[in-house]
Amino acid sequence: MARLPYVDPATAPAPVRELLEGLPVRLNIFRMVAHAERNARPLLRLGTSILTEQQLSATLRELAILRVARLSGAEYEWTQHVPIAKAVGVSDAQVDALARDDAGASCFDPVARLVLRFTTEVVERVGVPDALFAEMQRHFSAREIVELVLAIGFYMTMARLMEVTRIDVDEAAGARLVGAISK
């Protein structure tokens, strides 16, 4: 059970109500974020742009998000992003490997393993060693590296909100949400 009540659109201030009622999928995470009335809309815009406007490969982005979810113990994030990951090409073997915390499994190609290693360093140590950063630069543009760091950071923030407030896990609807916002 969540530690804070979810915002009820029926009793929320007009801007919050409009935001919540305008969402294509009503998830507990959005009703929790709505407590931060002034931050909710910009936060959701950032999340939408990460999911729909990055140059970074959607497959690599979702592998990174799933790694963040596992490293953060965020069941809600994992539940919502597994279907999204599969929709963008992440295999069942890759999902299973990440569920086992095996980011170096043979089902990942060298670039995916690099992204997972980078993600682990950012989550666990904040920075990354020079050699790892140089390896990233051999495979990704400056834009893609910054986009990856933003995706990792955003989903770390969301994982912490989910875990601190103990958001109740919704039925997986993440793929429907991404489909709706991508149109």
N, C-alpha and C. Protein backbone atom coordinates (compact mmCIF):
# COMPACT_ATOMS: atom_id res chain seq x y z
N MET A 1 0.84 -1.18 0.00
CA MET A 1 0.00 0.00 0.00
C MET A 1 0.89 1.24 0.00
N ALA A 2 0.53 2.19 -0.83
CA ALA A 2 1.31 3.41 -0.95
C ALA A 2 1.36 4.18 0.36
N ARG A 3 2.48 4.82 0.60
CA ARG A 3 2.67 5.61 1.82
C ARG A 3 1.94 6.95 1.76
N LEU A 4 1.66 7.43 0.57
CA LEU A 4 0.92 8.68 0.38
C LEU A 4 -0.32 8.37 -0.45
N PRO A 5 -1.38 9.12 -0.24
CA PRO A 5 -2.58 8.89 -1.06
C PRO A 5 -2.30 9.34 -2.50
N TYR A 6 -2.95 8.69 -3.44
CA TYR A 6 -2.84 9.12 -4.83
C TYR A 6 -3.73 10.34 -5.04
N VAL A 7 -3.28 11.23 -5.90
CA VAL A 7 -4.09 12.41 -6.22
C VAL A 7 -5.33 11.94 -6.97
N ASP A 8 -6.47 12.41 -6.50
CA ASP A 8 -7.75 12.09 -7.14
C ASP A 8 -8.07 13.23 -8.11
N PRO A 9 -8.16 12.93 -9.39
CA PRO A 9 -8.44 14.00 -10.36
C PRO A 9 -9.71 14.79 -10.04
N ALA A 10 -10.70 14.13 -9.45
CA ALA A 10 -11.97 14.80 -9.15
C ALA A 10 -11.81 15.93 -8.14
N THR A 11 -10.83 15.83 -7.26
CA THR A 11 -10.65 16.85 -6.23
C THR A 11 -9.37 17.66 -6.42
N ALA A 12 -8.64 17.39 -7.47
CA ALA A 12 -7.36 18.08 -7.71
C ALA A 12 -7.60 19.47 -8.28
N PRO A 13 -6.65 20.38 -8.08
CA PRO A 13 -6.75 21.69 -8.72
C PRO A 13 -6.88 21.51 -10.24
N ALA A 14 -7.51 22.44 -10.90
CA ALA A 14 -7.81 22.33 -12.33
C ALA A 14 -6.60 21.94 -13.20
N PRO A 15 -5.44 22.57 -13.04
CA PRO A 15 -4.32 22.18 -13.91
C PRO A 15 -3.89 20.72 -13.71
N VAL A 16 -3.93 20.25 -12.48
CA VAL A 16 -3.56 18.86 -12.20
C VAL A 16 -4.63 17.92 -12.74
N ARG A 17 -5.88 18.27 -12.53
CA ARG A 17 -6.98 17.45 -13.05
C ARG A 17 -6.88 17.33 -14.57
N GLU A 18 -6.64 18.45 -15.24
CA GLU A 18 -6.52 18.43 -16.70
C GLU A 18 -5.35 17.56 -17.15
N LEU A 19 -4.24 17.65 -16.44
CA LEU A 19 -3.08 16.83 -16.76
C LEU A 19 -3.42 15.35 -16.63
N LEU A 20 -3.97 14.98 -15.50
CA LEU A 20 -4.28 13.56 -15.25
C LEU A 20 -5.34 13.03 -16.21
N GLU A 21 -6.36 13.83 -16.46
CA GLU A 21 -7.43 13.37 -17.36
C GLU A 21 -6.98 13.31 -18.81
N GLY A 22 -5.91 14.04 -19.14
CA GLY A 22 -5.40 14.04 -20.50
C GLY A 22 -4.43 12.92 -20.80
N LEU A 23 -4.06 12.16 -19.79
CA LEU A 23 -3.10 11.07 -20.02
C LEU A 23 -3.78 9.90 -20.71
N PRO A 24 -3.09 9.26 -21.65
CA PRO A 24 -3.69 8.14 -22.37
C PRO A 24 -3.85 6.88 -21.51
N VAL A 25 -3.05 6.77 -20.46
CA VAL A 25 -3.12 5.64 -19.54
C VAL A 25 -3.04 6.20 -18.13
N ARG A 26 -3.92 5.80 -17.27
CA ARG A 26 -3.93 6.31 -15.89
C ARG A 26 -3.19 5.33 -15.00
N LEU A 27 -2.00 5.70 -14.63
CA LEU A 27 -1.15 4.85 -13.79
C LEU A 27 -0.92 5.51 -12.43
N ASN A 28 -0.67 4.69 -11.43
CA ASN A 28 -0.42 5.20 -10.08
C ASN A 28 0.77 6.15 -10.04
N ILE A 29 1.79 5.90 -10.85
CA ILE A 29 2.95 6.79 -10.84
C ILE A 29 2.56 8.21 -11.20
N PHE A 30 1.66 8.37 -12.14
CA PHE A 30 1.24 9.73 -12.53
C PHE A 30 0.42 10.39 -11.42
N ARG A 31 -0.41 9.61 -10.76
CA ARG A 31 -1.22 10.16 -9.67
C ARG A 31 -0.36 10.49 -8.46
N MET A 32 0.79 9.83 -8.32
CA MET A 32 1.71 10.18 -7.23
C MET A 32 2.51 11.42 -7.60
N VAL A 33 3.01 11.46 -8.83
CA VAL A 33 3.77 12.62 -9.30
C VAL A 33 2.92 13.89 -9.22
N ALA A 34 1.62 13.76 -9.38
CA ALA A 34 0.72 14.91 -9.37
C ALA A 34 0.74 15.68 -8.06
N HIS A 35 1.25 15.08 -6.98
CA HIS A 35 1.40 15.84 -5.72
C HIS A 35 2.34 17.03 -5.93
N ALA A 36 3.31 16.86 -6.80
CA ALA A 36 4.24 17.95 -7.10
C ALA A 36 3.64 18.77 -8.26
N GLU A 37 2.62 19.53 -7.92
CA GLU A 37 1.79 20.20 -8.93
C GLU A 37 2.58 20.96 -9.98
N ARG A 38 3.58 21.71 -9.56
CA ARG A 38 4.34 22.54 -10.50
C ARG A 38 5.38 21.73 -11.27
N ASN A 39 5.77 20.59 -10.74
CA ASN A 39 6.79 19.76 -11.38
C ASN A 39 6.22 18.67 -12.27
N ALA A 40 4.97 18.30 -12.05
CA ALA A 40 4.40 17.14 -12.73
C ALA A 40 4.43 17.27 -14.25
N ARG A 41 3.95 18.36 -14.78
CA ARG A 41 3.89 18.51 -16.24
C ARG A 41 5.30 18.52 -16.85
N PRO A 42 6.26 19.31 -16.35
CA PRO A 42 7.61 19.26 -16.93
C PRO A 42 8.26 17.87 -16.80
N LEU A 43 8.00 17.21 -15.69
CA LEU A 43 8.56 15.87 -15.50
C LEU A 43 8.00 14.90 -16.53
N LEU A 44 6.70 14.94 -16.76
CA LEU A 44 6.08 14.06 -17.75
C LEU A 44 6.53 14.41 -19.17
N ARG A 45 6.77 15.69 -19.42
CA ARG A 45 7.29 16.09 -20.74
C ARG A 45 8.68 15.51 -20.96
N LEU A 46 9.52 15.57 -19.91
CA LEU A 46 10.86 14.99 -20.03
C LEU A 46 10.77 13.49 -20.27
N GLY A 47 9.95 12.80 -19.51
CA GLY A 47 9.79 11.36 -19.70
C GLY A 47 9.31 11.03 -21.10
N THR A 48 8.36 11.81 -21.60
CA THR A 48 7.85 11.60 -22.96
C THR A 48 8.95 11.80 -23.99
N SER A 49 9.74 12.84 -23.82
CA SER A 49 10.80 13.09 -24.81
C SER A 49 11.87 12.00 -24.76
N ILE A 50 12.15 11.47 -23.58
CA ILE A 50 13.10 10.36 -23.49
C ILE A 50 12.57 9.15 -24.24
N LEU A 51 11.30 8.89 -24.12
CA LEU A 51 10.71 7.71 -24.76
C LEU A 51 10.43 7.88 -26.25
N THR A 52 10.35 9.11 -26.73
CA THR A 52 9.92 9.29 -28.12
C THR A 52 10.83 10.14 -28.99
N GLU A 53 11.77 10.87 -28.41
CA GLU A 53 12.53 11.82 -29.23
C GLU A 53 14.04 11.65 -29.19
N GLN A 54 14.52 10.64 -28.52
CA GLN A 54 15.96 10.47 -28.45
C GLN A 54 16.52 9.82 -29.72
N GLN A 55 17.73 10.22 -30.06
CA GLN A 55 18.45 9.59 -31.16
C GLN A 55 18.98 8.22 -30.72
N LEU A 56 19.27 8.08 -29.45
CA LEU A 56 19.75 6.82 -28.90
C LEU A 56 18.77 5.70 -29.26
N SER A 57 19.29 4.56 -29.62
CA SER A 57 18.45 3.41 -29.96
C SER A 57 17.47 3.11 -28.84
N ALA A 58 16.21 2.89 -29.21
CA ALA A 58 15.17 2.57 -28.21
C ALA A 58 15.50 1.26 -27.50
N THR A 59 16.09 0.32 -28.20
CA THR A 59 16.46 -0.95 -27.58
C THR A 59 17.51 -0.74 -26.50
N LEU A 60 18.53 0.03 -26.82
CA LEU A 60 19.57 0.30 -25.82
C LEU A 60 19.02 1.12 -24.66
N ARG A 61 18.14 2.07 -24.96
CA ARG A 61 17.50 2.86 -23.89
C ARG A 61 16.74 1.95 -22.94
N GLU A 62 15.95 1.04 -23.48
CA GLU A 62 15.15 0.16 -22.62
C GLU A 62 16.02 -0.82 -21.85
N LEU A 63 17.10 -1.30 -22.45
CA LEU A 63 18.03 -2.14 -21.68
C LEU A 63 18.57 -1.36 -20.49
N ALA A 64 18.93 -0.10 -20.72
CA ALA A 64 19.44 0.74 -19.63
C ALA A 64 18.36 0.95 -18.56
N ILE A 65 17.13 1.21 -18.98
CA ILE A 65 16.05 1.43 -18.01
C ILE A 65 15.80 0.17 -17.18
N LEU A 66 15.80 -0.98 -17.84
CA LEU A 66 15.61 -2.23 -17.08
C LEU A 66 16.76 -2.45 -16.11
N ARG A 67 17.97 -2.09 -16.52
CA ARG A 67 19.12 -2.22 -15.60
C ARG A 67 18.95 -1.28 -14.41
N VAL A 68 18.51 -0.06 -14.66
CA VAL A 68 18.24 0.88 -13.56
C VAL A 68 17.19 0.29 -12.62
N ALA A 69 16.12 -0.25 -13.18
CA ALA A 69 15.05 -0.82 -12.35
C ALA A 69 15.59 -1.94 -11.46
N ARG A 70 16.41 -2.82 -12.02
CA ARG A 70 16.97 -3.93 -11.22
C ARG A 70 17.92 -3.42 -10.15
N LEU A 71 18.80 -2.51 -10.53
CA LEU A 71 19.77 -1.99 -9.56
C LEU A 71 19.10 -1.18 -8.47
N SER A 72 17.94 -0.62 -8.77
CA SER A 72 17.20 0.20 -7.81
C SER A 72 16.15 -0.59 -7.03
N GLY A 73 15.93 -1.84 -7.41
CA GLY A 73 14.90 -2.64 -6.76
C GLY A 73 13.51 -2.12 -7.03
N ALA A 74 13.31 -1.50 -8.20
CA ALA A 74 12.04 -0.86 -8.52
C ALA A 74 11.15 -1.80 -9.33
N GLU A 75 10.34 -2.57 -8.63
CA GLU A 75 9.43 -3.52 -9.27
C GLU A 75 8.45 -2.82 -10.21
N TYR A 76 7.94 -1.67 -9.79
CA TYR A 76 6.98 -0.93 -10.62
C TYR A 76 7.60 -0.59 -11.97
N GLU A 77 8.80 -0.03 -11.94
CA GLU A 77 9.50 0.37 -13.16
C GLU A 77 9.76 -0.85 -14.05
N TRP A 78 10.21 -1.93 -13.43
CA TRP A 78 10.47 -3.17 -14.17
C TRP A 78 9.18 -3.66 -14.85
N THR A 79 8.10 -3.71 -14.09
CA THR A 79 6.82 -4.20 -14.61
C THR A 79 6.35 -3.39 -15.81
N GLN A 80 6.49 -2.08 -15.74
CA GLN A 80 6.03 -1.22 -16.83
C GLN A 80 6.95 -1.27 -18.04
N HIS A 81 8.25 -1.46 -17.81
CA HIS A 81 9.20 -1.35 -18.92
C HIS A 81 9.53 -2.67 -19.61
N VAL A 82 9.27 -3.81 -19.02
CA VAL A 82 9.52 -5.06 -19.73
C VAL A 82 8.70 -5.11 -21.03
N PRO A 83 7.39 -4.81 -21.01
CA PRO A 83 6.65 -4.82 -22.29
C PRO A 83 7.14 -3.78 -23.29
N ILE A 84 7.56 -2.63 -22.81
CA ILE A 84 8.10 -1.60 -23.70
C ILE A 84 9.38 -2.13 -24.33
N ALA A 85 10.24 -2.71 -23.52
CA ALA A 85 11.51 -3.25 -24.01
C ALA A 85 11.26 -4.30 -25.09
N LYS A 86 10.33 -5.20 -24.82
CA LYS A 86 10.03 -6.24 -25.81
C LYS A 86 9.47 -5.64 -27.09
N ALA A 87 8.68 -4.59 -26.97
CA ALA A 87 8.08 -3.95 -28.14
C ALA A 87 9.13 -3.30 -29.03
N VAL A 88 10.27 -2.90 -28.45
CA VAL A 88 11.32 -2.25 -29.25
C VAL A 88 12.45 -3.21 -29.61
N GLY A 89 12.28 -4.50 -29.32
CA GLY A 89 13.25 -5.48 -29.80
C GLY A 89 14.12 -6.17 -28.77
N VAL A 90 13.92 -5.89 -27.49
CA VAL A 90 14.67 -6.61 -26.46
C VAL A 90 14.12 -8.03 -26.40
N SER A 91 15.00 -9.00 -26.40
CA SER A 91 14.57 -10.40 -26.43
C SER A 91 14.22 -10.91 -25.03
N ASP A 92 13.47 -12.01 -25.01
CA ASP A 92 13.14 -12.66 -23.74
C ASP A 92 14.42 -13.07 -23.02
N ALA A 93 15.41 -13.56 -23.76
CA ALA A 93 16.69 -13.98 -23.15
C ALA A 93 17.38 -12.79 -22.49
N GLN A 94 17.29 -11.63 -23.10
CA GLN A 94 17.91 -10.43 -22.52
C GLN A 94 17.17 -9.99 -21.26
N VAL A 95 15.83 -10.02 -21.31
CA VAL A 95 15.05 -9.68 -20.11
C VAL A 95 15.38 -10.65 -18.99
N ASP A 96 15.43 -11.94 -19.31
CA ASP A 96 15.75 -12.95 -18.30
C ASP A 96 17.15 -12.74 -17.72
N ALA A 97 18.11 -12.40 -18.57
CA ALA A 97 19.47 -12.14 -18.09
C ALA A 97 19.50 -10.96 -17.14
N LEU A 98 18.79 -9.89 -17.49
CA LEU A 98 18.75 -8.73 -16.59
C LEU A 98 18.02 -9.06 -15.30
N ALA A 99 16.99 -9.88 -15.37
CA ALA A 99 16.28 -10.30 -14.15
C ALA A 99 17.21 -11.07 -13.22
N ARG A 100 18.19 -11.77 -13.80
CA ARG A 100 19.20 -12.52 -13.01
C ARG A 100 20.38 -11.64 -12.64
N ASP A 101 20.34 -10.37 -13.02
CA ASP A 101 21.46 -9.43 -12.83
C ASP A 101 22.71 -9.86 -13.57
N ASP A 102 22.52 -10.46 -14.74
CA ASP A 102 23.64 -10.90 -15.58
C ASP A 102 23.75 -9.98 -16.79
N ALA A 103 24.27 -8.79 -16.55
CA ALA A 103 24.39 -7.79 -17.62
C ALA A 103 25.50 -8.13 -18.61
N GLY A 104 26.29 -9.13 -18.30
CA GLY A 104 27.36 -9.54 -19.21
C GLY A 104 27.03 -10.81 -19.98
N ALA A 105 25.78 -11.22 -19.96
CA ALA A 105 25.37 -12.47 -20.61
C ALA A 105 25.65 -12.45 -22.11
N SER A 106 25.83 -13.64 -22.68
CA SER A 106 26.15 -13.76 -24.10
C SER A 106 25.00 -13.34 -25.01
N CYS A 107 23.80 -13.20 -24.49
CA CYS A 107 22.66 -12.76 -25.32
C CYS A 107 22.78 -11.27 -25.69
N PHE A 108 23.67 -10.56 -25.04
CA PHE A 108 23.89 -9.14 -25.34
C PHE A 108 25.08 -9.02 -26.29
N ASP A 109 24.94 -8.21 -27.31
CA ASP A 109 26.09 -7.95 -28.18
C ASP A 109 27.05 -7.01 -27.44
N PRO A 110 28.26 -6.82 -27.97
CA PRO A 110 29.24 -5.99 -27.26
C PRO A 110 28.77 -4.57 -26.96
N VAL A 111 28.00 -3.97 -27.86
CA VAL A 111 27.52 -2.60 -27.63
C VAL A 111 26.48 -2.58 -26.51
N ALA A 112 25.59 -3.55 -26.48
CA ALA A 112 24.60 -3.61 -25.40
C ALA A 112 25.30 -3.85 -24.07
N ARG A 113 26.31 -4.72 -24.04
CA ARG A 113 27.07 -4.94 -22.80
C ARG A 113 27.76 -3.66 -22.35
N LEU A 114 28.26 -2.88 -23.31
CA LEU A 114 28.89 -1.60 -23.00
C LEU A 114 27.88 -0.66 -22.35
N VAL A 115 26.69 -0.55 -22.93
CA VAL A 115 25.64 0.32 -22.38
C VAL A 115 25.25 -0.15 -20.98
N LEU A 116 25.14 -1.43 -20.77
CA LEU A 116 24.77 -1.96 -19.45
C LEU A 116 25.88 -1.71 -18.43
N ARG A 117 27.13 -1.84 -18.86
CA ARG A 117 28.25 -1.54 -17.95
C ARG A 117 28.25 -0.05 -17.58
N PHE A 118 28.05 0.79 -18.59
CA PHE A 118 27.97 2.24 -18.38
C PHE A 118 26.84 2.57 -17.41
N THR A 119 25.67 1.99 -17.65
CA THR A 119 24.50 2.22 -16.79
C THR A 119 24.80 1.82 -15.35
N THR A 120 25.41 0.67 -15.17
CA THR A 120 25.75 0.20 -13.82
C THR A 120 26.68 1.18 -13.13
N GLU A 121 27.68 1.67 -13.83
CA GLU A 121 28.62 2.65 -13.24
C GLU A 121 27.91 3.93 -12.84
N VAL A 122 27.03 4.43 -13.72
CA VAL A 122 26.31 5.68 -13.42
C VAL A 122 25.42 5.48 -12.20
N VAL A 123 24.71 4.37 -12.12
CA VAL A 123 23.81 4.13 -11.00
C VAL A 123 24.60 3.92 -9.70
N GLU A 124 25.61 3.08 -9.76
CA GLU A 124 26.32 2.70 -8.54
C GLU A 124 27.40 3.68 -8.10
N ARG A 125 28.03 4.36 -9.05
CA ARG A 125 29.17 5.21 -8.70
C ARG A 125 29.04 6.66 -9.17
N VAL A 126 27.97 6.99 -9.82
CA VAL A 126 27.68 8.32 -10.38
C VAL A 126 28.54 8.61 -11.61
N GLY A 127 29.84 8.60 -11.46
CA GLY A 127 30.72 8.84 -12.60
C GLY A 127 31.13 7.53 -13.24
N VAL A 128 31.90 7.64 -14.33
CA VAL A 128 32.41 6.44 -14.99
C VAL A 128 33.91 6.61 -15.21
N PRO A 129 34.65 5.51 -15.19
CA PRO A 129 36.09 5.59 -15.45
C PRO A 129 36.38 6.14 -16.86
N ASP A 130 37.53 6.78 -17.00
CA ASP A 130 37.91 7.37 -18.29
C ASP A 130 37.91 6.34 -19.42
N ALA A 131 38.41 5.15 -19.16
CA ALA A 131 38.48 4.12 -20.21
C ALA A 131 37.08 3.74 -20.69
N LEU A 132 36.13 3.62 -19.77
CA LEU A 132 34.76 3.29 -20.15
C LEU A 132 34.14 4.43 -20.95
N PHE A 133 34.40 5.66 -20.53
CA PHE A 133 33.85 6.80 -21.26
C PHE A 133 34.44 6.86 -22.67
N ALA A 134 35.73 6.60 -22.79
CA ALA A 134 36.37 6.60 -24.11
C ALA A 134 35.77 5.51 -25.00
N GLU A 135 35.49 4.36 -24.42
CA GLU A 135 34.86 3.28 -25.18
C GLU A 135 33.46 3.70 -25.65
N MET A 136 32.72 4.38 -24.78
CA MET A 136 31.40 4.89 -25.18
C MET A 136 31.54 5.85 -26.37
N GLN A 137 32.55 6.70 -26.32
CA GLN A 137 32.74 7.68 -27.40
C GLN A 137 33.08 7.02 -28.73
N ARG A 138 33.65 5.83 -28.70
CA ARG A 138 33.94 5.11 -29.94
C ARG A 138 32.67 4.57 -30.59
N HIS A 139 31.61 4.41 -29.81
CA HIS A 139 30.38 3.82 -30.33
C HIS A 139 29.21 4.79 -30.42
N PHE A 140 29.26 5.88 -29.68
CA PHE A 140 28.10 6.77 -29.61
C PHE A 140 28.53 8.22 -29.80
N SER A 141 27.60 9.00 -30.35
CA SER A 141 27.83 10.45 -30.48
C SER A 141 27.69 11.11 -29.11
N ALA A 142 28.14 12.34 -29.04
CA ALA A 142 27.98 13.10 -27.79
C ALA A 142 26.49 13.18 -27.42
N ARG A 143 25.65 13.40 -28.43
CA ARG A 143 24.21 13.48 -28.18
C ARG A 143 23.70 12.19 -27.54
N GLU A 144 24.07 11.04 -28.11
CA GLU A 144 23.59 9.77 -27.59
C GLU A 144 24.08 9.49 -26.17
N ILE A 145 25.30 9.88 -25.88
CA ILE A 145 25.83 9.68 -24.52
C ILE A 145 25.05 10.53 -23.53
N VAL A 146 24.82 11.78 -23.87
CA VAL A 146 24.05 12.66 -22.97
C VAL A 146 22.62 12.15 -22.84
N GLU A 147 22.02 11.71 -23.94
CA GLU A 147 20.66 11.16 -23.86
C GLU A 147 20.62 9.93 -22.95
N LEU A 148 21.63 9.08 -23.04
CA LEU A 148 21.67 7.90 -22.18
C LEU A 148 21.78 8.30 -20.71
N VAL A 149 22.63 9.26 -20.40
CA VAL A 149 22.76 9.72 -19.01
C VAL A 149 21.45 10.31 -18.53
N LEU A 150 20.77 11.08 -19.38
CA LEU A 150 19.47 11.65 -18.99
C LEU A 150 18.44 10.56 -18.76
N ALA A 151 18.41 9.55 -19.61
CA ALA A 151 17.47 8.43 -19.42
C ALA A 151 17.77 7.70 -18.11
N ILE A 152 19.03 7.42 -17.87
CA ILE A 152 19.41 6.73 -16.63
C ILE A 152 19.00 7.57 -15.42
N GLY A 153 19.33 8.85 -15.44
CA GLY A 153 19.01 9.73 -14.32
C GLY A 153 17.52 9.88 -14.10
N PHE A 154 16.76 10.03 -15.19
CA PHE A 154 15.31 10.17 -15.08
C PHE A 154 14.72 8.92 -14.43
N TYR A 155 15.12 7.76 -14.91
CA TYR A 155 14.54 6.53 -14.37
C TYR A 155 15.08 6.19 -12.98
N MET A 156 16.24 6.71 -12.63
CA MET A 156 16.68 6.59 -11.23
C MET A 156 15.77 7.43 -10.34
N THR A 157 15.45 8.64 -10.79
CA THR A 157 14.54 9.50 -10.03
C THR A 157 13.18 8.84 -9.87
N MET A 158 12.65 8.32 -10.96
CA MET A 158 11.34 7.68 -10.89
C MET A 158 11.37 6.45 -9.99
N ALA A 159 12.44 5.66 -10.07
CA ALA A 159 12.57 4.48 -9.22
C ALA A 159 12.57 4.88 -7.75
N ARG A 160 13.24 5.96 -7.44
CA ARG A 160 13.30 6.40 -6.05
C ARG A 160 11.94 6.89 -5.57
N LEU A 161 11.23 7.60 -6.42
CA LEU A 161 9.88 8.03 -6.06
C LEU A 161 8.98 6.81 -5.83
N MET A 162 9.07 5.85 -6.73
CA MET A 162 8.26 4.63 -6.62
C MET A 162 8.55 3.87 -5.33
N GLU A 163 9.82 3.75 -5.01
CA GLU A 163 10.20 2.96 -3.84
C GLU A 163 9.98 3.71 -2.53
N VAL A 164 10.27 5.00 -2.51
CA VAL A 164 10.08 5.78 -1.28
C VAL A 164 8.61 5.86 -0.90
N THR A 165 7.75 6.05 -1.91
CA THR A 165 6.32 6.19 -1.63
C THR A 165 5.58 4.85 -1.68
N ARG A 166 6.31 3.80 -2.06
CA ARG A 166 5.75 2.45 -2.16
C ARG A 166 4.51 2.40 -3.05
N ILE A 167 4.66 2.93 -4.24
CA ILE A 167 3.55 2.95 -5.20
C ILE A 167 3.09 1.53 -5.47
N ASP A 168 1.79 1.34 -5.47
CA ASP A 168 1.21 0.04 -5.79
C ASP A 168 1.46 -0.24 -7.27
N VAL A 169 1.89 -1.46 -7.55
CA VAL A 169 2.23 -1.83 -8.93
C VAL A 169 0.95 -1.99 -9.75
N ASP A 170 0.86 -1.18 -10.80
CA ASP A 170 -0.25 -1.28 -11.75
C ASP A 170 0.00 -2.45 -12.70
N GLU A 171 -1.07 -2.91 -13.32
CA GLU A 171 -0.94 -3.86 -14.43
C GLU A 171 -0.06 -3.20 -15.49
N ALA A 172 0.79 -3.99 -16.13
CA ALA A 172 1.70 -3.44 -17.14
C ALA A 172 0.91 -2.73 -18.24
N ALA A 173 1.16 -1.45 -18.38
CA ALA A 173 0.49 -0.65 -19.41
C ALA A 173 1.47 0.25 -20.12
N GLY A 174 2.76 0.09 -19.80
CA GLY A 174 3.78 0.96 -20.37
C GLY A 174 3.81 0.95 -21.89
N ALA A 175 3.65 -0.22 -22.50
CA ALA A 175 3.70 -0.30 -23.97
C ALA A 175 2.52 0.46 -24.58
N ARG A 176 1.34 0.38 -23.96
CA ARG A 176 0.18 1.15 -24.45
C ARG A 176 0.45 2.64 -24.34
N LEU A 177 1.07 3.04 -23.23
CA LEU A 177 1.37 4.45 -23.02
C LEU A 177 2.33 4.95 -24.09
N VAL A 178 3.41 4.21 -24.33
CA VAL A 178 4.39 4.64 -25.33
C VAL A 178 3.74 4.67 -26.71
N GLY A 179 2.90 3.70 -27.01
CA GLY A 179 2.19 3.70 -28.29
C GLY A 179 1.32 4.94 -28.45
N ALA A 180 0.66 5.32 -27.37
CA ALA A 180 -0.24 6.49 -27.43
C ALA A 180 0.53 7.80 -27.56
N ILE A 181 1.65 7.93 -26.86
CA ILE A 181 2.39 9.20 -26.90
C ILE A 181 3.27 9.31 -28.14
N SER A 182 3.51 8.20 -28.81
CA SER A 182 4.34 8.21 -30.02
C SER A 182 3.56 8.67 -31.24
N LYS A 183 2.26 8.74 -31.13
CA LYS A 183 1.42 9.12 -32.29
C LYS A 183 1.41 10.60 -32.50
